[in-house]
Protein backbone atom coordinates (compact mmCIF):
# COMPACT_ATOMS: atom_id res chain seq x y z
CA MET A 1 35.04 19.09 -24.54
CA ALA A 2 32.41 21.53 -23.29
CA GLN A 3 29.68 18.93 -23.64
CA GLY A 4 31.66 16.38 -21.65
CA LYS A 5 32.24 18.95 -18.93
CA ILE A 6 28.53 19.70 -18.68
CA GLU A 7 27.65 16.00 -18.41
CA GLY A 8 30.37 15.37 -15.87
CA VAL A 9 29.67 18.35 -13.61
CA PHE A 10 26.04 19.27 -14.06
CA LEU A 11 24.26 15.97 -14.75
CA ARG A 12 25.24 12.38 -14.02
CA LYS A 13 24.23 9.82 -16.63
CA GLN A 14 22.04 6.98 -15.35
CA THR A 15 21.03 4.41 -17.96
CA VAL A 16 18.41 2.76 -15.75
CA MET A 17 16.71 6.08 -15.04
CA ARG A 18 16.71 6.88 -18.74
CA ARG A 19 14.87 3.63 -19.40
CA VAL A 20 12.23 4.49 -16.82
CA THR A 21 11.82 7.93 -18.34
CA GLY A 22 11.32 6.35 -21.76
CA ALA A 23 8.79 3.89 -20.33
CA CYS A 24 6.73 6.84 -19.07
CA LEU A 25 6.38 8.33 -22.55
CA PRO A 26 3.28 6.30 -23.57
CA CYS A 27 1.52 7.70 -20.49
CA VAL A 28 2.67 11.22 -21.38
CA PHE A 29 1.25 10.78 -24.87
CA GLY A 30 -1.97 9.44 -23.38
CA GLY A 31 -2.26 12.44 -21.10
CA VAL A 32 -1.87 14.83 -24.04
CA TYR A 33 -4.30 12.81 -26.18
CA PHE A 34 -7.01 12.67 -23.52
CA PHE A 35 -6.60 16.05 -21.80
CA GLY A 36 -4.66 18.38 -24.10
CA TRP A 37 -1.16 19.80 -24.44
CA ARG A 38 -1.23 21.33 -20.97
CA VAL A 39 -0.29 17.89 -19.62
CA LEU A 40 3.02 18.04 -21.51
CA ALA A 41 3.62 21.58 -20.24
CA VAL A 42 3.02 20.42 -16.66
CA ALA A 43 5.56 17.62 -17.15
CA ILE A 44 8.16 20.05 -18.51
CA VAL A 45 7.61 22.56 -15.68
CA SER A 46 7.89 19.76 -13.14
CA CYS A 47 11.15 18.48 -14.66
CA VAL A 48 12.71 21.94 -14.82
CA ALA A 49 11.72 22.83 -11.25
CA GLY A 50 12.89 19.45 -9.97
CA LEU A 51 16.25 19.66 -11.76
CA LEU A 52 16.98 23.18 -10.54
CA THR A 53 16.09 22.24 -6.98
CA GLU A 54 18.34 19.18 -6.99
CA TYR A 55 21.19 21.04 -8.64
CA ALA A 56 21.08 23.74 -5.95
CA PHE A 57 21.81 21.07 -3.33
CA CYS A 58 24.23 19.03 -5.43
CA ARG A 59 26.29 22.11 -6.20
CA LYS A 60 26.82 22.71 -2.47
CA ARG A 61 28.08 19.14 -2.11
CA GLY A 62 30.25 19.39 -5.20
CA GLU A 63 28.25 16.66 -6.93
CA PRO A 64 26.39 16.57 -10.25
CA ALA A 65 22.62 16.32 -10.37
CA THR A 66 21.30 12.91 -11.40
CA GLU A 67 18.95 11.82 -14.15
CA SER A 68 16.79 10.25 -11.45
CA VAL A 69 15.27 13.67 -10.85
CA PHE A 70 13.60 13.45 -14.26
CA VAL A 71 11.98 10.16 -13.26
CA THR A 72 10.69 11.68 -10.02
CA SER A 73 9.44 14.83 -11.75
CA LEU A 74 7.81 13.00 -14.66
CA ILE A 75 6.03 10.44 -12.50
CA TYR A 76 4.88 13.21 -10.16
CA SER A 77 3.39 15.19 -13.05
CA LEU A 78 1.55 12.15 -14.42
CA ILE A 79 -0.26 11.50 -11.12
CA LEU A 80 -1.61 15.04 -10.85
CA PRO A 81 -5.04 16.16 -12.10
CA PRO A 82 -4.86 17.47 -15.69
CA GLY A 83 -6.03 20.93 -14.64
CA VAL A 84 -3.79 21.24 -11.57
CA PRO A 85 -2.72 24.87 -10.87
CA TRP A 86 0.86 25.74 -11.75
CA HIS A 87 1.85 26.73 -8.22
CA VAL A 88 0.76 23.29 -6.97
CA VAL A 89 2.99 21.62 -9.57
CA VAL A 90 6.06 23.60 -8.52
CA ILE A 91 5.47 23.45 -4.76
CA GLY A 92 4.96 19.69 -4.85
CA ILE A 93 8.06 18.81 -6.84
CA VAL A 94 10.27 21.18 -4.86
CA PHE A 95 9.01 19.62 -1.63
CA ALA A 96 9.59 16.13 -3.05
CA VAL A 97 13.20 16.79 -4.03
CA VAL A 98 14.11 18.71 -0.87
CA PHE A 99 12.34 16.76 1.88
CA ALA A 100 12.17 13.26 0.40
CA LYS A 101 15.60 13.16 -1.21
CA GLU A 102 18.12 15.89 -0.44
CA VAL A 103 17.65 16.03 3.34
CA PHE A 104 18.65 12.36 3.39
CA GLY A 105 21.85 13.10 1.48
CA GLY A 106 20.76 12.92 -2.16
CA PHE A 107 20.43 10.10 -4.64
CA GLY A 108 20.53 6.60 -3.20
CA ARG A 109 19.82 7.61 0.39
CA ASN A 110 16.11 8.44 0.48
CA ILE A 111 13.78 6.06 2.33
CA PHE A 112 10.53 7.28 0.76
CA ASN A 113 9.54 7.48 -2.90
CA PRO A 114 10.03 11.20 -3.69
CA ALA A 115 7.21 11.43 -6.24
CA MET A 116 4.77 9.94 -3.74
CA VAL A 117 5.93 12.33 -1.03
CA GLY A 118 5.40 15.31 -3.33
CA ARG A 119 1.92 14.21 -4.30
CA CYS A 120 0.99 13.41 -0.71
CA PHE A 121 2.09 16.90 0.37
CA VAL A 122 0.01 18.76 -2.21
CA TYR A 123 -2.89 16.33 -1.70
CA ILE A 124 -3.06 17.41 1.94
CA CYS A 125 -2.25 21.10 1.40
CA PHE A 126 -4.41 21.70 -1.69
CA PRO A 127 -7.33 19.23 -1.40
CA VAL A 128 -9.70 21.19 -3.65
CA ALA A 129 -7.16 21.52 -6.44
CA MET A 130 -6.28 17.83 -6.15
CA THR A 131 -9.71 16.25 -5.74
CA GLY A 132 -12.48 18.82 -6.27
CA ARG A 133 -12.63 19.25 -10.05
CA TRP A 134 -11.77 16.70 -12.71
CA PRO A 135 -11.66 17.64 -16.42
CA VAL A 136 -13.44 15.20 -18.68
CA SER A 137 -11.39 13.18 -21.10
CA ALA A 138 -11.61 13.47 -24.84
CA PRO A 139 -13.28 10.43 -26.41
CA VAL A 140 -11.12 7.61 -27.73
CA SER A 141 -11.61 8.51 -31.37
CA GLY A 142 -10.11 10.82 -33.95
CA ILE A 143 -7.40 13.10 -32.64
CA GLY A 144 -8.76 13.23 -29.09
CA ALA A 145 -7.65 16.44 -27.37
CA LEU A 146 -4.58 16.94 -29.57
CA GLY A 147 -6.15 20.08 -30.94
CA GLN A 148 -6.73 21.59 -27.50
CA TRP A 149 -4.57 23.22 -24.85
CA SER A 150 -6.65 21.63 -22.10
CA THR A 151 -10.06 19.99 -21.75
CA ALA A 152 -10.29 21.79 -18.39
CA ALA A 153 -10.61 25.09 -20.29
CA VAL A 154 -14.21 24.23 -21.16
CA ALA A 155 -16.29 25.42 -18.21
CA ASP A 156 -19.05 22.86 -18.61
CA ALA A 157 -16.66 19.99 -19.23
CA ILE A 158 -15.94 19.33 -15.58
CA THR A 159 -16.98 16.18 -13.78
CA SER A 160 -17.13 15.95 -10.00
CA ALA A 161 -15.88 12.39 -9.58
CA THR A 162 -13.56 9.84 -11.11
CA PRO A 163 -14.75 6.33 -12.00
CA LEU A 164 -12.98 5.01 -8.90
CA ALA A 165 -14.92 7.43 -6.69
CA ILE A 166 -18.21 6.53 -8.37
CA MET A 167 -17.45 2.84 -8.00
CA LYS A 168 -16.80 3.32 -4.29
CA THR A 169 -19.70 5.61 -3.41
CA GLU A 170 -22.38 4.35 -5.80
CA GLY A 171 -21.23 0.82 -6.55
CA VAL A 172 -21.29 1.48 -10.30
CA VAL A 173 -18.50 -0.41 -12.05
CA PRO A 174 -17.25 1.34 -15.22
CA GLU A 175 -16.85 -0.59 -18.44
CA LEU A 176 -13.57 -2.45 -18.54
CA SER A 177 -12.91 -1.11 -22.03
CA SER A 178 -12.98 2.43 -20.66
CA LEU A 179 -10.50 1.55 -17.92
CA LEU A 180 -8.28 -0.24 -20.42
CA PHE A 181 -8.22 2.29 -23.25
CA GLY A 182 -8.98 5.55 -21.43
CA GLY A 183 -11.58 8.16 -22.20
CA ILE A 184 -12.38 8.62 -18.49
CA SER A 185 -11.64 11.30 -15.92
CA GLY A 186 -8.66 10.89 -13.66
CA THR A 187 -5.07 11.93 -13.15
CA ALA A 188 -3.18 13.12 -16.21
CA GLY A 189 -1.21 10.05 -17.25
CA VAL A 190 -2.86 6.99 -15.75
CA THR A 191 -6.39 6.78 -17.18
CA SER A 192 -5.43 4.14 -19.75
CA ALA A 193 -4.25 0.79 -18.38
CA ALA A 194 -3.15 -0.24 -21.89
CA LEU A 195 -0.66 2.63 -22.15
CA ILE A 196 0.62 1.92 -18.65
CA LEU A 197 1.18 -1.72 -19.62
CA ILE A 198 3.17 -0.75 -22.72
CA GLY A 199 5.74 1.08 -20.63
CA GLY A 200 5.40 -1.24 -17.65
CA MET A 201 6.06 -4.41 -19.62
CA TYR A 202 9.16 -2.77 -21.10
CA LEU A 203 10.45 -2.28 -17.56
CA TYR A 204 9.49 -5.85 -16.71
CA TYR A 205 11.13 -7.58 -19.67
CA THR A 206 14.31 -5.49 -19.53
CA LYS A 207 14.50 -6.15 -15.76
CA THR A 208 14.75 -2.41 -15.21
CA ALA A 209 12.10 -2.80 -12.52
CA SER A 210 11.94 -5.62 -9.99
CA ARG A 211 9.80 -8.43 -11.40
CA LEU A 212 9.22 -9.83 -7.93
CA ILE A 213 7.77 -6.57 -6.63
CA ILE A 214 5.54 -6.18 -9.68
CA LEU A 215 4.20 -9.73 -9.52
CA SER A 216 3.71 -9.82 -5.75
CA THR A 217 1.90 -6.49 -5.78
CA VAL A 218 -0.38 -7.22 -8.73
CA ILE A 219 -1.18 -10.83 -7.90
CA SER A 220 -1.83 -10.11 -4.21
CA TYR A 221 -4.15 -7.23 -5.01
CA ALA A 222 -6.05 -9.27 -7.59
CA VAL A 223 -6.48 -12.18 -5.18
CA ILE A 224 -7.68 -9.94 -2.34
CA ASN A 225 -10.28 -8.17 -4.47
CA GLN A 226 -11.56 -11.32 -6.14
CA PHE A 227 -11.75 -13.24 -2.86
CA PHE A 228 -13.83 -10.61 -1.06
CA THR A 229 -16.03 -10.20 -4.13
CA TRP A 230 -16.76 -13.95 -4.08
CA MET A 231 -17.47 -13.65 -0.35
CA GLY A 232 -20.25 -11.16 -1.15
CA ASN A 233 -18.56 -8.02 0.19
CA ASP A 234 -20.31 -5.13 -1.57
CA THR A 235 -17.33 -2.78 -1.27
CA PHE A 236 -15.26 -4.97 -3.61
CA HIS A 237 -16.01 -5.32 -7.32
CA GLY A 238 -13.68 -7.99 -8.62
CA ALA A 239 -10.04 -8.22 -9.62
CA LEU A 240 -10.13 -6.60 -13.06
CA PRO A 241 -11.86 -3.31 -12.14
CA ALA A 242 -9.55 -3.00 -9.15
CA LEU A 243 -6.39 -3.61 -11.18
CA LEU A 244 -7.33 -1.47 -14.17
CA GLY A 245 -8.80 1.46 -12.24
CA GLY A 246 -7.26 4.23 -10.20
CA GLY A 247 -3.77 3.94 -11.66
CA PHE A 248 -2.96 0.81 -9.67
CA LEU A 249 -0.88 -0.69 -12.46
CA PHE A 250 1.07 2.55 -12.80
CA GLY A 251 1.90 2.38 -9.12
CA ALA A 252 2.88 -1.28 -9.31
CA PHE A 253 5.20 -0.87 -12.31
CA PHE A 254 6.63 2.62 -11.84
CA MET A 255 6.43 3.60 -8.16
CA ALA A 256 6.49 0.49 -5.98
CA THR A 257 9.61 -0.65 -7.86
CA ASP A 258 11.72 2.39 -6.96
CA PRO A 259 15.07 0.64 -6.30
CA ILE A 260 16.10 3.03 -3.53
CA SER A 261 13.01 3.03 -1.29
CA ALA A 262 12.04 -0.63 -1.89
CA PRO A 263 13.55 -3.59 0.01
CA LYS A 264 16.69 -5.19 -1.39
CA THR A 265 16.25 -8.86 -0.43
CA LYS A 266 14.09 -11.28 -2.42
CA GLN A 267 11.93 -12.16 0.59
CA GLY A 268 11.69 -8.50 1.51
CA LYS A 269 10.46 -7.59 -1.98
CA LEU A 270 7.81 -10.29 -1.80
CA ILE A 271 6.55 -9.08 1.57
CA TYR A 272 6.73 -5.48 0.35
CA GLY A 273 4.46 -6.19 -2.61
CA VAL A 274 1.93 -7.98 -0.42
CA MET A 275 1.96 -5.06 2.04
CA ILE A 276 1.18 -2.57 -0.72
CA ALA A 277 -1.69 -4.74 -1.94
CA VAL A 278 -3.19 -5.17 1.54
CA PHE A 279 -2.80 -1.50 2.47
CA THR A 280 -4.36 -0.39 -0.82
CA ALA A 281 -7.33 -2.75 -0.45
CA VAL A 282 -8.01 -1.52 3.09
CA ILE A 283 -7.60 2.19 2.36
CA ARG A 284 -9.54 2.15 -0.92
CA ASN A 285 -12.49 0.25 0.49
CA TYR A 286 -12.68 1.26 4.13
CA SER A 287 -11.46 4.85 4.36
CA ILE A 288 -12.58 8.23 3.02
CA PHE A 289 -9.83 8.13 0.40
CA ASN A 290 -10.83 6.84 -3.02
CA GLY A 291 -7.33 5.87 -4.09
CA GLY A 292 -5.10 4.69 -1.30
CA LEU A 293 -2.14 3.59 -3.42
CA MET A 294 -0.17 6.73 -2.54
CA PHE A 295 -0.43 6.11 1.20
CA SER A 296 0.14 2.38 0.73
CA ILE A 297 3.46 2.84 -1.03
CA LEU A 298 4.66 5.35 1.56
CA LEU A 299 3.68 3.00 4.39
CA ALA A 300 5.44 0.10 2.69
CA ASN A 301 8.53 2.32 2.19
CA MET A 302 8.55 2.90 5.93
CA PHE A 303 8.63 -0.84 6.60
CA GLY A 304 11.14 -1.60 3.83
CA PRO A 305 14.39 -1.39 5.85
CA ILE A 306 13.06 -3.33 8.84
CA THR A 307 11.68 -5.98 6.47
CA ASP A 308 15.14 -6.50 5.00
CA TYR A 309 16.61 -6.54 8.50
CA ALA A 310 14.08 -9.13 9.70
CA VAL A 311 14.68 -11.34 6.67
CA GLY A 312 18.43 -11.09 7.15
CA ALA A 313 18.20 -11.84 10.87
CA TRP A 314 15.95 -14.84 10.20
CA GLY A 315 18.32 -16.15 7.56
CA THR A 316 21.31 -15.75 9.88
CA ARG A 317 19.48 -17.54 12.67
CA LYS A 318 18.63 -20.46 10.37
CA LYS A 319 22.27 -20.74 9.31
CA ILE A 320 23.44 -20.76 12.93
CA GLU A 321 20.88 -23.42 13.85
CA ALA A 322 21.89 -25.52 10.84
CA ALA A 323 25.56 -25.20 11.77
CA GLY A 324 24.77 -26.19 15.35
CA GLU A 325 22.87 -29.27 14.25
CA GLY A 326 25.67 -30.24 11.92
CA SER A 327 28.34 -29.96 14.62
CA SER A 328 26.29 -32.05 17.06
């Protein structure tokens, strides 16, 4: 009886969100393996802070908190640097829940991906903590960093740039095996494309995430990068390095597919995926930002509602024209 009361009042069950949380677990394990147990602690702190923040608002409205907050908090923690300060973790997730979700009325009403909003906020407010120092990853052998609290604790084990930054500034393309299996510097949970694909393909095959968004985003980005590489553009380095590096696949499977902030129509989802790919290619290659996926998803979120509206208006117009032709 007590347990049922807690689930009914404090936390609303959401099977889809539970699947997404489970799909993130390979990336959580990868973060711990490559960078130490501090990654797991960051994820737990993020989830607790996010849940308490959402519950404070939901309680005022007489509603239970939702399991979606765990998805937001977990994804947010995985796209932070492994050695991120604790205050940055808490500030970012609180900002994400309050200003990207609750101010719009709570679950199902937000127009921006909350995890992306939280990371964007701390990226701008704490640039040194977010981009200045990157702990090296444990090698892909043995027990990795499972015997360590954090690889960032070693003073001389700090690298100044991620492979994506080196590829952009120096034109040096990392080995594809490193991008696929990890063992490189980067954000806590997205340095191994293989681990991302394990969880991502689960979302794809169970239809938990939109297949159309995933395919349109990935295929468009691959085509853009390969085309400009063939054209001799030195800022592009081919489809595979672009797809496997910088957590692009994580964004395509886990963040672009957020069912609330993404378009709802089939045509809208297709356009949405292409927009993310184009924005990411432009920002990564022609701006001061090494990544670009974060800004790309937020920009695409902004155009999501009007894309659905335009598609709906176009479809209605075609039906009216067809009806007119039929009556004539």
